N, C-alpha and C. Protein backbone atom coordinates (compact mmCIF):
# COMPACT_ATOMS: atom_id res chain seq x y z
N MET A 1 57.81 56.14 60.02
CA MET A 1 58.73 57.70 59.11
C MET A 1 58.21 59.36 59.45
N ARG A 2 57.00 59.15 59.37
CA ARG A 2 56.31 60.82 59.72
C ARG A 2 56.94 60.99 61.28
N ARG A 3 56.66 59.80 62.03
CA ARG A 3 57.14 60.35 63.04
C ARG A 3 58.37 60.79 63.52
N LYS A 4 59.16 59.83 62.96
CA LYS A 4 61.16 60.19 63.02
C LYS A 4 60.86 61.39 62.50
N GLY A 5 60.33 61.80 62.07
CA GLY A 5 59.99 63.38 61.45
C GLY A 5 60.33 64.40 62.31
N HIS A 6 58.66 64.08 63.39
CA HIS A 6 58.38 64.95 63.73
C HIS A 6 59.14 64.77 65.36
N THR A 7 59.94 63.94 65.75
CA THR A 7 60.93 63.74 67.06
C THR A 7 62.49 64.29 66.71
N ALA A 8 62.68 64.42 65.04
CA ALA A 8 63.72 65.27 65.00
C ALA A 8 64.66 65.90 65.58
N PRO A 9 63.92 67.14 65.36
CA PRO A 9 64.00 68.62 65.65
C PRO A 9 64.28 68.62 67.39
N PHE A 10 63.51 67.78 68.34
CA PHE A 10 63.36 68.18 70.23
C PHE A 10 64.31 67.11 69.80
N THR A 11 64.77 66.10 69.56
CA THR A 11 66.54 65.12 69.77
C THR A 11 67.14 66.49 69.43
N LEU A 12 67.60 66.74 68.35
CA LEU A 12 68.97 67.92 68.18
C LEU A 12 68.66 69.05 69.29
N LEU A 13 67.43 69.89 69.72
CA LEU A 13 67.62 70.49 70.68
C LEU A 13 67.83 69.97 72.19
N THR A 14 67.35 68.79 72.50
CA THR A 14 67.82 68.30 73.71
C THR A 14 69.44 68.28 73.45
N LEU A 15 69.87 67.53 72.72
CA LEU A 15 71.35 67.10 72.53
C LEU A 15 71.96 68.37 72.50
N ILE A 16 71.33 70.00 71.72
CA ILE A 16 72.16 71.27 72.13
C ILE A 16 72.81 71.82 73.74
N LEU A 17 71.10 71.62 74.24
CA LEU A 17 71.09 71.63 75.65
C LEU A 17 71.86 71.20 76.61
N LEU A 18 72.02 69.84 76.63
CA LEU A 18 73.25 69.10 77.25
C LEU A 18 74.46 69.53 76.90
N PHE A 19 74.78 69.77 75.98
CA PHE A 19 76.14 70.34 75.25
C PHE A 19 76.22 71.47 75.97
N GLY A 20 75.30 72.70 76.03
CA GLY A 20 75.92 73.61 76.53
C GLY A 20 75.91 73.40 78.09
N ARG A 21 75.22 72.68 78.66
CA ARG A 21 75.13 72.25 80.20
C ARG A 21 76.64 72.03 80.12
N LYS A 22 76.87 71.05 79.53
CA LYS A 22 77.99 70.05 80.24
C LYS A 22 79.27 71.00 80.22
N LYS A 23 80.13 71.75 78.71
CA LYS A 23 80.15 72.95 78.54
C LYS A 23 80.35 74.35 80.09
N THR A 24 79.03 74.42 80.40
CA THR A 24 79.00 75.69 81.58
C THR A 24 79.77 74.90 82.72
N GLU A 25 79.38 73.86 82.88
CA GLU A 25 79.65 73.16 84.04
C GLU A 25 81.17 72.99 84.34
N GLN A 26 81.64 72.89 82.72
CA GLN A 26 83.42 72.88 83.18
C GLN A 26 83.88 73.96 83.50
N GLU A 27 83.02 74.93 82.14
CA GLU A 27 83.97 76.39 82.82
C GLU A 27 83.69 76.90 84.54
N ASN A 28 82.70 76.57 85.00
CA ASN A 28 82.39 76.91 86.57
C ASN A 28 83.42 76.16 87.14
N THR A 29 83.79 74.76 86.64
CA THR A 29 84.51 74.09 87.66
C THR A 29 85.74 74.69 87.21
N ASN A 30 86.26 75.55 86.28
CA ASN A 30 87.52 75.64 85.73
C ASN A 30 88.32 77.00 86.66
N ILE A 31 86.62 78.15 86.81
CA ILE A 31 86.78 78.97 87.69
C ILE A 31 86.68 78.89 88.89
N ALA A 32 86.48 78.29 89.44
CA ALA A 32 86.33 77.90 91.05
C ALA A 32 87.53 77.63 91.39
N GLU A 33 88.27 76.81 90.96
CA GLU A 33 89.81 76.22 91.36
C GLU A 33 90.74 77.34 91.00
N PRO A 34 91.29 78.21 92.58
CA PRO A 34 92.08 78.98 93.18
C PRO A 34 93.41 78.49 92.50
N ILE A 35 94.01 79.86 91.63
CA ILE A 35 95.01 79.39 91.82
C ILE A 35 96.29 79.88 92.84
N LYS A 36 96.79 78.90 92.93
CA LYS A 36 97.78 78.94 94.52
C LYS A 36 99.24 79.29 94.30
N LYS A 37 98.99 80.68 94.80
CA LYS A 37 100.63 81.44 94.68
C LYS A 37 101.37 81.39 95.84
N GLU A 38 102.44 81.58 95.48
CA GLU A 38 103.37 80.97 96.86
C GLU A 38 103.50 83.03 97.08
N PRO A 39 103.32 82.85 98.24
CA PRO A 39 103.36 84.49 99.15
C PRO A 39 104.70 84.94 99.78
N PHE A 40 104.35 85.85 98.69
CA PHE A 40 106.08 86.96 98.95
C PHE A 40 107.06 85.87 98.89
N PRO A 41 107.34 85.53 97.04
CA PRO A 41 108.67 84.79 96.90
C PRO A 41 109.57 85.51 96.66
N ILE A 42 110.40 84.88 97.29
CA ILE A 42 112.15 85.35 96.83
C ILE A 42 112.11 85.45 95.92
N PRO A 43 112.72 87.38 95.47
CA PRO A 43 112.88 87.34 94.07
C PRO A 43 114.39 86.70 93.49
N GLU A 44 114.80 86.52 92.28
CA GLU A 44 116.47 86.15 91.54
C GLU A 44 117.54 86.37 92.57
N ILE A 45 117.26 88.42 92.52
CA ILE A 45 118.56 89.17 93.04
C ILE A 45 118.63 88.59 94.48
N LEU A 46 117.72 88.31 95.31
CA LEU A 46 118.34 88.13 96.76
C LEU A 46 118.67 86.68 96.81
N LYS A 47 118.47 85.59 96.14
CA LYS A 47 118.84 84.29 96.09
C LYS A 47 120.50 83.78 96.41
N LYS A 48 120.85 82.91 96.60
CA LYS A 48 122.46 83.13 97.51
C LYS A 48 123.26 83.05 95.99
N THR A 49 124.18 83.77 95.90
CA THR A 49 125.22 83.10 94.81
C THR A 49 126.36 82.20 94.94
N ILE A 50 126.37 82.01 96.52
CA ILE A 50 127.16 80.78 96.62
C ILE A 50 126.75 79.74 97.69
N THR A 51 127.01 78.42 97.22
CA THR A 51 126.47 77.40 97.69
C THR A 51 126.86 77.06 99.08
N SER A 52 126.27 76.36 99.89
CA SER A 52 126.82 75.49 101.22
C SER A 52 128.20 75.06 101.05
N ASN A 53 128.08 73.96 100.02
CA ASN A 53 129.29 73.33 100.05
C ASN A 53 130.86 74.03 99.52
N ASP A 54 130.12 75.28 98.78
CA ASP A 54 131.46 76.05 98.23
C ASP A 54 131.83 76.67 99.79
N VAL A 55 130.88 77.92 100.45
CA VAL A 55 131.55 77.85 101.78
C VAL A 55 132.16 77.27 102.46
N SER A 56 131.98 75.72 102.91
CA SER A 56 132.37 74.89 103.35
C SER A 56 133.85 74.84 103.30
N ARG A 57 133.95 74.37 102.00
CA ARG A 57 135.27 74.73 101.37
C ARG A 57 136.77 75.64 101.31
N SER A 58 135.40 76.90 101.15
CA SER A 58 136.05 78.25 101.58
C SER A 58 136.64 78.44 102.72
N ARG A 59 135.84 77.72 103.42
CA ARG A 59 136.00 77.82 105.26
C ARG A 59 137.20 77.12 105.96
N ASP A 60 137.48 75.58 104.91
CA ASP A 60 138.68 75.43 105.76
C ASP A 60 140.20 75.68 104.87
N LYS A 61 139.90 75.94 103.87
CA LYS A 61 140.93 77.23 102.44
C LYS A 61 141.39 77.88 103.73
N LEU A 62 140.36 78.88 104.13
CA LEU A 62 140.83 80.19 104.80
C LEU A 62 141.21 79.43 106.25
N ARG A 63 140.97 78.49 106.90
CA ARG A 63 141.87 78.29 108.32
C ARG A 63 142.94 77.67 108.16
N LEU A 64 142.98 77.11 106.99
CA LEU A 64 144.87 76.24 106.71
C LEU A 64 145.43 77.69 106.61
N ALA A 65 144.73 78.56 105.23
CA ALA A 65 146.13 79.77 104.81
C ALA A 65 146.01 80.48 106.22
N SER A 66 145.62 80.53 107.59
CA SER A 66 145.72 81.53 108.46
C SER A 66 146.63 80.80 109.48
N LEU A 67 146.77 79.48 109.07
CA LEU A 67 147.56 78.87 110.17
C LEU A 67 148.91 78.43 109.15
N GLU A 68 148.95 78.95 108.16
CA GLU A 68 150.27 78.80 107.12
C GLU A 68 150.87 80.18 107.47
N ARG A 69 150.00 81.18 107.53
CA ARG A 69 150.67 82.43 107.57
C ARG A 69 151.08 83.03 109.53
N ASP A 70 150.47 81.96 110.19
CA ASP A 70 151.27 82.04 111.63
C ASP A 70 152.76 81.50 111.35
N ILE A 71 152.62 80.52 110.79
CA ILE A 71 153.88 79.35 110.59
C ILE A 71 155.09 80.51 110.23
N ILE A 72 154.75 81.62 108.61
CA ILE A 72 155.33 82.51 108.13
C ILE A 72 155.67 83.28 109.40
N GLY A 73 155.01 83.99 109.72
CA GLY A 73 155.21 84.96 110.60
C GLY A 73 156.20 84.32 111.59
N ASP A 74 156.20 83.53 112.53
CA ASP A 74 157.07 82.21 113.28
C ASP A 74 158.58 82.39 112.63
N ALA A 75 158.89 82.16 111.37
CA ALA A 75 160.03 82.12 110.79
C ALA A 75 160.24 83.56 110.50
N LEU A 76 159.80 84.44 110.03
CA LEU A 76 160.35 86.21 109.67
C LEU A 76 160.80 86.52 111.62
N THR A 77 160.64 86.15 112.92
CA THR A 77 160.65 86.67 113.87
C THR A 77 162.16 85.77 113.97
N LYS A 78 162.02 84.32 114.11
CA LYS A 78 163.24 83.65 114.36
C LYS A 78 164.35 84.26 113.26
N ILE A 79 163.92 84.61 111.81
CA ILE A 79 165.27 85.10 111.28
C ILE A 79 165.69 86.35 111.78
N TYR A 80 164.73 87.24 112.38
CA TYR A 80 165.27 88.49 112.76
C TYR A 80 166.01 88.55 114.19
N GLU A 81 165.57 87.46 114.53
CA GLU A 81 166.56 86.90 116.38
C GLU A 81 167.43 86.07 115.97
N ALA A 82 167.78 85.58 114.69
CA ALA A 82 169.27 84.96 114.19
C ALA A 82 170.16 86.12 114.07
N GLU A 83 169.51 87.14 112.99
CA GLU A 83 170.65 88.08 112.76
C GLU A 83 171.04 88.64 114.04
N THR A 84 170.07 88.89 114.82
CA THR A 84 170.10 89.81 116.36
C THR A 84 171.64 89.59 117.33
N ARG A 85 171.44 87.92 117.17
CA ARG A 85 172.69 87.21 117.77
C ARG A 85 173.71 86.90 116.96
N GLY A 86 173.46 87.38 115.99
CA GLY A 86 174.60 87.53 114.99
C GLY A 86 174.64 85.70 114.56
N GLN A 87 173.97 84.97 114.45
CA GLN A 87 173.81 83.50 113.95
C GLN A 87 174.27 83.82 112.19
N ILE A 88 173.62 85.06 111.78
CA ILE A 88 173.37 85.12 110.23
C ILE A 88 174.03 86.65 109.79
N ASN A 89 174.36 87.02 108.60
CA ASN A 89 174.37 88.05 108.28
C ASN A 89 173.65 88.73 107.78
N ASP A 90 174.02 90.43 107.19
CA ASP A 90 172.16 90.71 106.48
C ASP A 90 172.19 90.25 105.02
N SER A 91 173.35 90.14 104.15
CA SER A 91 173.31 89.25 103.08
C SER A 91 172.01 87.82 103.27
N GLU A 92 172.51 87.38 104.12
CA GLU A 92 171.61 86.01 104.27
C GLU A 92 170.26 86.04 104.68
N LYS A 93 170.21 86.76 105.77
CA LYS A 93 169.37 87.20 106.67
C LYS A 93 168.18 87.78 105.24
N ASN A 94 168.57 88.87 104.55
CA ASN A 94 167.54 89.36 103.05
C ASN A 94 166.95 88.40 101.72
N GLN A 95 168.03 87.21 101.99
CA GLN A 95 167.94 85.83 100.94
C GLN A 95 166.73 85.44 101.67
N LEU A 96 166.96 84.87 103.26
CA LEU A 96 165.76 84.26 103.66
C LEU A 96 164.31 84.84 103.47
N LEU A 97 164.39 86.33 104.00
CA LEU A 97 162.99 86.83 103.72
C LEU A 97 162.35 86.91 102.77
N GLN A 98 163.34 87.16 102.01
CA GLN A 98 162.45 87.08 100.36
C GLN A 98 161.94 86.21 100.11
N ARG A 99 162.35 84.71 100.50
CA ARG A 99 161.84 83.48 99.95
C ARG A 99 160.38 83.60 100.80
N TYR A 100 160.19 84.09 102.10
CA TYR A 100 158.80 83.79 102.77
C TYR A 100 158.27 84.87 102.70
N LYS A 101 158.94 86.46 102.04
CA LYS A 101 157.91 87.16 101.68
C LYS A 101 157.02 86.86 100.60
N THR A 102 157.80 86.32 99.77
CA THR A 102 156.77 85.50 98.82
C THR A 102 155.49 84.69 99.11
N ASP A 103 156.11 84.15 100.24
CA ASP A 103 155.01 82.71 100.31
C ASP A 103 154.30 83.61 101.19
N LEU A 104 154.33 84.60 101.91
CA LEU A 104 153.76 85.69 102.58
C LEU A 104 152.48 86.13 101.54
N LYS A 105 153.06 86.65 100.72
CA LYS A 105 152.14 87.37 99.73
C LYS A 105 151.17 86.64 98.94
N ARG A 106 151.24 85.37 98.83
CA ARG A 106 150.67 84.37 98.55
C ARG A 106 149.23 83.54 99.41
N VAL A 107 149.50 83.52 100.89
CA VAL A 107 148.96 83.31 101.25
C VAL A 107 148.39 84.35 101.98
N ASP A 108 148.49 85.88 101.55
CA ASP A 108 147.53 86.65 102.38
C ASP A 108 146.41 86.67 100.95
N GLY A 109 146.90 86.30 99.65
CA GLY A 109 145.87 86.52 98.94
C GLY A 109 145.01 85.89 99.08
N GLU A 110 145.07 84.41 99.39
CA GLU A 110 144.59 83.19 99.42
C GLU A 110 143.50 83.29 100.78
N ILE A 111 143.89 84.34 101.66
CA ILE A 111 143.30 84.73 102.86
C ILE A 111 141.61 85.49 102.30
N ASP A 112 142.30 86.41 101.67
CA ASP A 112 141.94 87.46 101.18
C ASP A 112 140.25 86.93 100.39
N THR A 113 141.19 85.62 99.47
CA THR A 113 139.72 85.54 98.78
C THR A 113 138.79 84.96 99.23
N HIS A 114 139.13 83.77 100.20
CA HIS A 114 138.32 82.90 100.72
C HIS A 114 137.58 83.58 101.89
N LYS A 115 137.88 84.53 102.13
CA LYS A 115 137.31 85.67 103.30
C LYS A 115 136.15 85.89 102.78
N ARG A 116 136.60 86.74 101.39
CA ARG A 116 135.61 87.51 100.58
C ARG A 116 134.06 86.51 100.85
N THR A 117 134.53 84.85 100.18
CA THR A 117 133.21 83.93 99.86
C THR A 117 132.50 83.72 101.24
N VAL A 118 133.16 83.78 102.04
CA VAL A 118 132.86 83.57 103.57
C VAL A 118 131.60 84.58 103.96
N ASP A 119 132.74 86.00 104.06
CA ASP A 119 131.71 87.22 104.16
C ASP A 119 130.44 87.20 103.36
N LEU A 120 130.52 87.04 101.56
CA LEU A 120 129.35 86.73 100.64
C LEU A 120 128.22 86.01 101.41
N TYR A 121 128.65 84.87 101.39
CA TYR A 121 127.57 83.83 102.01
C TYR A 121 126.90 84.45 103.47
N GLU A 122 127.73 84.48 104.53
CA GLU A 122 127.07 85.03 105.49
C GLU A 122 125.95 86.48 105.47
N LEU A 123 126.76 87.47 104.03
CA LEU A 123 125.82 88.53 104.34
C LEU A 123 124.20 88.16 103.26
N GLU A 124 124.59 87.17 102.28
CA GLU A 124 123.41 86.68 102.17
C GLU A 124 122.42 85.71 102.47
N SER A 125 122.61 84.99 103.49
CA SER A 125 122.34 84.39 104.62
C SER A 125 121.35 85.13 105.45
N ALA A 126 122.21 86.47 105.83
CA ALA A 126 121.61 87.26 106.85
C ALA A 126 120.41 88.00 105.95
N LYS A 127 120.87 88.62 104.64
CA LYS A 127 119.54 89.23 104.14
C LYS A 127 118.28 88.18 103.49
N GLU A 128 118.77 86.98 103.63
CA GLU A 128 117.38 86.18 103.44
C GLU A 128 116.74 85.62 104.22
N ASP A 129 117.68 85.87 105.82
CA ASP A 129 116.50 85.33 106.76
C ASP A 129 115.76 86.83 107.16
N LEU A 130 116.74 88.41 106.56
CA LEU A 130 115.40 89.41 107.03
C LEU A 130 114.39 89.54 106.57
N LEU A 131 114.30 88.69 104.92
CA LEU A 131 113.22 88.80 104.10
C LEU A 131 112.20 88.07 104.48
N LYS A 132 112.87 86.64 105.01
CA LYS A 132 111.69 85.67 105.57
C LYS A 132 111.33 86.00 106.78
N SER A 133 111.88 86.99 107.56
CA SER A 133 111.00 87.60 109.06
C SER A 133 110.14 88.38 108.76
N PHE A 134 110.49 89.50 107.64
CA PHE A 134 109.87 90.86 107.34
C PHE A 134 108.43 89.58 106.69
N ASN A 135 108.61 88.91 105.73
CA ASN A 135 107.29 88.38 104.82
C ASN A 135 106.44 87.80 105.89
N GLU A 136 107.17 87.12 107.04
CA GLU A 136 106.18 86.55 107.85
C GLU A 136 105.74 87.43 108.86
N LYS A 137 105.97 88.42 109.27
CA LYS A 137 105.27 89.59 109.90
C LYS A 137 104.39 90.33 109.26
N MET A 138 104.49 90.48 107.68
CA MET A 138 103.51 90.48 106.88
C MET A 138 102.47 90.07 106.83
N LEU A 139 102.34 88.57 106.77
CA LEU A 139 101.63 87.53 106.60
C LEU A 139 100.57 87.64 108.06
N GLU A 140 101.55 87.63 109.12
CA GLU A 140 100.14 87.73 110.67
C GLU A 140 99.63 89.14 110.68
N ILE A 141 100.33 90.20 109.95
CA ILE A 141 99.90 91.27 110.00
C ILE A 141 98.14 91.28 109.28
N ASP A 142 98.42 90.78 108.01
CA ASP A 142 97.54 90.59 107.13
C ASP A 142 96.14 89.64 107.41
N LEU A 143 96.47 88.80 108.51
CA LEU A 143 95.75 88.26 108.94
C LEU A 143 95.08 88.51 109.91
N LYS A 144 95.43 89.62 111.11
CA LYS A 144 95.12 90.50 112.00
C LYS A 144 93.80 91.37 111.35
N ILE A 145 94.58 92.03 110.18
CA ILE A 145 93.67 92.87 109.46
C ILE A 145 92.37 91.83 108.69
N SER A 146 92.18 90.70 108.49
CA SER A 146 90.96 90.28 108.02
C SER A 146 90.73 89.88 108.60
N GLN A 147 90.98 89.79 110.17
CA GLN A 147 90.27 89.51 111.26
C GLN A 147 89.28 90.43 111.90
N ILE A 148 90.05 91.91 111.87
CA ILE A 148 89.63 93.22 112.51
C ILE A 148 88.36 93.59 111.69
N LYS A 149 88.69 93.75 110.34
CA LYS A 149 88.46 94.66 109.41
C LYS A 149 87.23 94.47 109.40
N PRO A 150 86.00 93.40 109.07
CA PRO A 150 84.66 93.65 109.17
C PRO A 150 84.08 93.66 110.27
N THR A 151 84.66 93.43 111.40
CA THR A 151 84.13 93.71 112.70
C THR A 151 84.11 95.61 112.65
N VAL A 152 84.98 96.08 111.97
CA VAL A 152 85.11 97.61 112.40
C VAL A 152 84.33 98.31 110.92
N ALA A 153 84.16 97.22 109.90
CA ALA A 153 83.07 97.89 108.79
C ALA A 153 81.73 97.87 109.51
N THR A 154 81.53 96.68 110.32
CA THR A 154 79.82 96.51 110.85
C THR A 154 79.83 97.38 111.46
N THR A 155 80.73 97.84 112.70
CA THR A 155 80.55 99.06 113.56
C THR A 155 79.90 100.13 112.97
N THR A 156 80.85 100.57 112.10
CA THR A 156 80.83 101.74 111.57
C THR A 156 79.26 102.05 110.81
N ILE A 157 79.19 101.06 110.14
CA ILE A 157 77.80 100.89 109.46
C ILE A 157 76.14 101.19 110.30
N GLU A 158 76.78 100.65 111.75
CA GLU A 158 75.82 100.61 112.83
C GLU A 158 75.73 101.66 113.26
N THR A 159 76.76 102.74 113.17
CA THR A 159 76.89 104.12 113.56
C THR A 159 75.99 105.09 112.97
N VAL A 160 76.25 105.01 112.03
CA VAL A 160 75.85 105.58 111.09
C VAL A 160 74.48 105.59 110.65
N THR A 161 73.92 103.91 110.68
CA THR A 161 72.71 104.43 110.53
C THR A 161 71.66 104.20 111.98
N LYS A 162 72.34 105.17 113.06
CA LYS A 162 71.92 105.06 114.33
C LYS A 162 71.05 106.39 113.99
N PRO A 163 69.82 106.50 114.68
CA PRO A 163 69.71 108.41 114.54
C PRO A 163 69.89 108.77 115.57
N PRO A 164 70.65 109.90 115.34
CA PRO A 164 71.29 110.27 116.19
C PRO A 164 70.08 111.10 117.39
N GLU A 165 70.74 111.73 119.00
CA GLU A 165 70.24 112.10 120.19
C GLU A 165 70.03 113.19 119.92
N SER A 166 68.95 113.75 120.71
CA SER A 166 68.70 115.41 120.68
C SER A 166 70.01 115.32 121.65
N PRO A 167 70.35 116.59 121.54
CA PRO A 167 71.43 117.11 122.71
C PRO A 167 69.94 117.52 124.16
N LYS A 168 70.88 117.37 125.47
CA LYS A 168 69.88 117.61 126.40
C LYS A 168 70.49 118.72 127.07
N THR A 169 69.86 119.42 127.40
CA THR A 169 70.49 121.23 128.20
C THR A 169 70.11 120.79 129.53
N GLU A 170 71.71 120.73 130.10
CA GLU A 170 70.95 120.68 132.05
C GLU A 170 70.66 121.96 132.21
N THR A 171 70.09 122.09 133.10
CA THR A 171 69.99 123.03 134.18
C THR A 171 70.05 123.31 135.53
N SER A 172 70.85 124.18 136.03
CA SER A 172 70.64 124.32 137.35
C SER A 172 69.66 124.77 138.11
N PRO A 173 69.17 123.79 139.42
CA PRO A 173 67.66 124.43 139.78
C PRO A 173 68.12 125.70 140.65
N THR A 174 69.35 125.57 141.21
CA THR A 174 69.94 126.47 142.19
C THR A 174 70.47 127.64 142.11
N THR A 175 70.44 127.79 140.64
CA THR A 175 71.38 129.32 140.22
C THR A 175 70.29 130.06 140.23
N PRO A 176 69.70 131.33 140.47
CA PRO A 176 69.01 132.15 140.70
C PRO A 176 69.20 133.08 138.97
N PRO A 177 67.90 133.58 138.41
CA PRO A 177 67.82 134.27 137.40
C PRO A 177 68.80 135.50 137.63
N THR A 178 69.70 135.63 136.63
CA THR A 178 70.61 136.57 136.75
C THR A 178 69.95 138.13 136.58
N ASN A 179 69.02 138.22 135.61
CA ASN A 179 68.29 139.45 136.15
C ASN A 179 66.59 139.49 136.17
N PRO A 180 66.21 139.52 137.09
CA PRO A 180 64.80 138.94 137.16
C PRO A 180 64.11 139.81 136.76
N PRO A 181 62.92 139.57 136.48
CA PRO A 181 62.10 140.36 135.55
C PRO A 181 61.59 142.24 136.77
N LYS A 182 61.16 142.87 136.41
CA LYS A 182 60.98 143.76 137.26
C LYS A 182 59.37 143.95 137.18
N GLU A 183 59.16 144.85 137.85
CA GLU A 183 57.60 144.63 138.40
C GLU A 183 57.13 146.08 137.54
N ARG A 184 56.15 145.86 136.79
CA ARG A 184 55.71 147.17 136.47
C ARG A 184 54.72 147.63 136.67
N PRO A 185 54.53 149.05 136.35
CA PRO A 185 53.18 150.21 137.44
C PRO A 185 52.02 149.61 136.68
N LYS A 186 51.15 149.09 137.35
CA LYS A 186 49.74 149.30 136.12
C LYS A 186 49.47 150.52 135.38
N GLU A 187 49.31 149.80 133.75
CA GLU A 187 48.82 151.01 133.14
C GLU A 187 47.62 150.78 132.81
N LYS A 188 47.00 151.85 131.88
CA LYS A 188 45.33 151.90 131.17
C LYS A 188 45.36 151.22 130.93
N PRO A 189 44.02 150.45 130.60
CA PRO A 189 43.64 149.26 129.33
C PRO A 189 44.04 149.85 127.98
N LYS A 190 44.79 148.85 127.22
CA LYS A 190 45.53 149.11 126.47
C LYS A 190 44.47 148.23 124.67
N ASN A 191 44.79 149.10 123.66
CA ASN A 191 43.44 148.05 122.91
C ASN A 191 44.10 146.47 122.04
N LYS A 192 43.88 145.76 121.19
CA LYS A 192 44.49 145.19 120.85
C LYS A 192 45.93 145.19 119.93
N ALA A 193 46.17 145.85 118.99
CA ALA A 193 47.30 145.80 118.95
C ALA A 193 48.73 146.17 119.98
N GLU A 194 48.75 147.09 121.11
CA GLU A 194 49.27 147.47 122.12
C GLU A 194 49.37 145.96 122.96
N GLU A 195 48.30 145.47 122.94
CA GLU A 195 48.37 144.15 124.26
C GLU A 195 49.44 143.17 123.23
N ARG A 196 49.06 142.88 121.78
CA ARG A 196 50.20 141.92 121.22
C ARG A 196 51.81 142.35 121.33
N LEU A 197 51.58 143.83 120.99
CA LEU A 197 53.16 144.39 121.10
C LEU A 197 53.70 144.17 122.42
N GLU A 198 52.70 144.27 123.36
CA GLU A 198 53.57 144.22 124.72
C GLU A 198 53.44 142.62 125.26
N THR A 199 52.54 141.80 124.49
CA THR A 199 53.29 140.57 124.40
C THR A 199 54.54 140.00 123.92
N ILE A 200 54.85 140.33 122.64
CA ILE A 200 55.96 139.90 122.29
C ILE A 200 57.29 140.55 122.68
N ARG A 201 57.42 141.73 123.13
CA ARG A 201 58.24 142.33 124.43
C ARG A 201 58.79 141.79 125.36
N GLU A 202 57.13 140.81 126.30
CA GLU A 202 57.80 140.30 127.24
C GLU A 202 58.93 138.67 126.71
N GLU A 203 58.21 138.08 125.68
CA GLU A 203 58.56 137.28 125.07
C GLU A 203 60.50 137.35 125.00
N VAL A 204 60.34 138.19 124.61
CA VAL A 204 61.80 138.80 123.32
C VAL A 204 62.40 138.80 125.29
N LEU A 205 61.95 139.64 126.10
CA LEU A 205 62.60 139.75 127.36
C LEU A 205 63.03 138.68 128.12
N LYS A 206 62.31 137.80 127.94
CA LYS A 206 62.27 136.11 128.84
C LYS A 206 63.46 135.67 128.01
N ALA A 207 63.48 135.53 126.63
CA ALA A 207 64.52 134.93 125.73
C ALA A 207 65.70 135.35 125.86
N MET A 208 65.90 136.99 126.33
CA MET A 208 67.27 137.41 126.60
C MET A 208 67.89 136.89 127.50
N GLU A 209 66.67 136.74 129.13
CA GLU A 209 66.86 136.40 130.16
C GLU A 209 68.05 135.17 130.22
N ARG A 210 66.91 134.10 129.25
CA ARG A 210 67.30 132.79 129.33
C ARG A 210 68.46 132.49 128.80
N LEU A 211 69.11 133.52 127.70
CA LEU A 211 69.99 133.29 126.78
C LEU A 211 71.60 133.65 128.26
N GLU A 212 71.31 135.13 129.06
CA GLU A 212 71.72 135.39 129.42
C GLU A 212 72.36 134.20 130.33
N GLN A 213 71.11 133.46 130.85
CA GLN A 213 71.35 132.60 132.26
C GLN A 213 71.75 131.40 131.73
N ILE A 214 71.91 130.95 130.47
CA ILE A 214 73.00 129.45 129.84
C ILE A 214 74.60 130.33 129.63
N GLU A 215 74.53 131.21 129.22
CA GLU A 215 76.13 131.77 128.98
C GLU A 215 76.53 131.97 130.29
N THR A 216 76.02 132.22 131.52
CA THR A 216 76.45 132.40 132.94
C THR A 216 76.69 130.73 133.23
N GLU A 217 75.98 129.96 133.12
CA GLU A 217 75.96 128.29 133.59
C GLU A 217 77.17 127.67 132.78
N GLY A 218 77.42 128.43 131.58
CA GLY A 218 78.80 128.04 130.97
C GLY A 218 79.52 128.14 130.79
């Protein structure tokens, strides 16, 4: 009994650690799984309102209505020709025209309705195709960017870390000095202060001559 009492806390601690490890592994597994999203999903507003079956029926009706309109047009032409030849009088002509005019109005309405349906379907199809083409182009551009961007970043870092080279001044050996130093007459011995001033003066003159030479070469 005494031995069991000593081992009980260790057993409890072991269970807690195992449970905590299992829970952590499960959370890591859940985080590691990427959420798959559809690239460039088509918005609801861009989806077609006309189905392929609807547009197929509308095209058939539009074809028949157009044919019926041509028949009515031929009939109206024959009525006017009959009046010209004297086969019918003006009253009979108006009576026949009234009947065909009603049919013509009905057929024109059907043609307009079915043509709008076909046009809507074709415009929505063109819009959807344009969006898909645009999305494919965007994916292609993003892929190229992801391939080129790391190399450009690496090149930039290498350029920044590389120490700048000291500029080199090109000298022209054939160009004679613009103002050669003039020979000075021999003077009497000077003290140290005068000698120091003379040395500084000569250095200044040499620097000015060098500056003029550089300006001339530039």
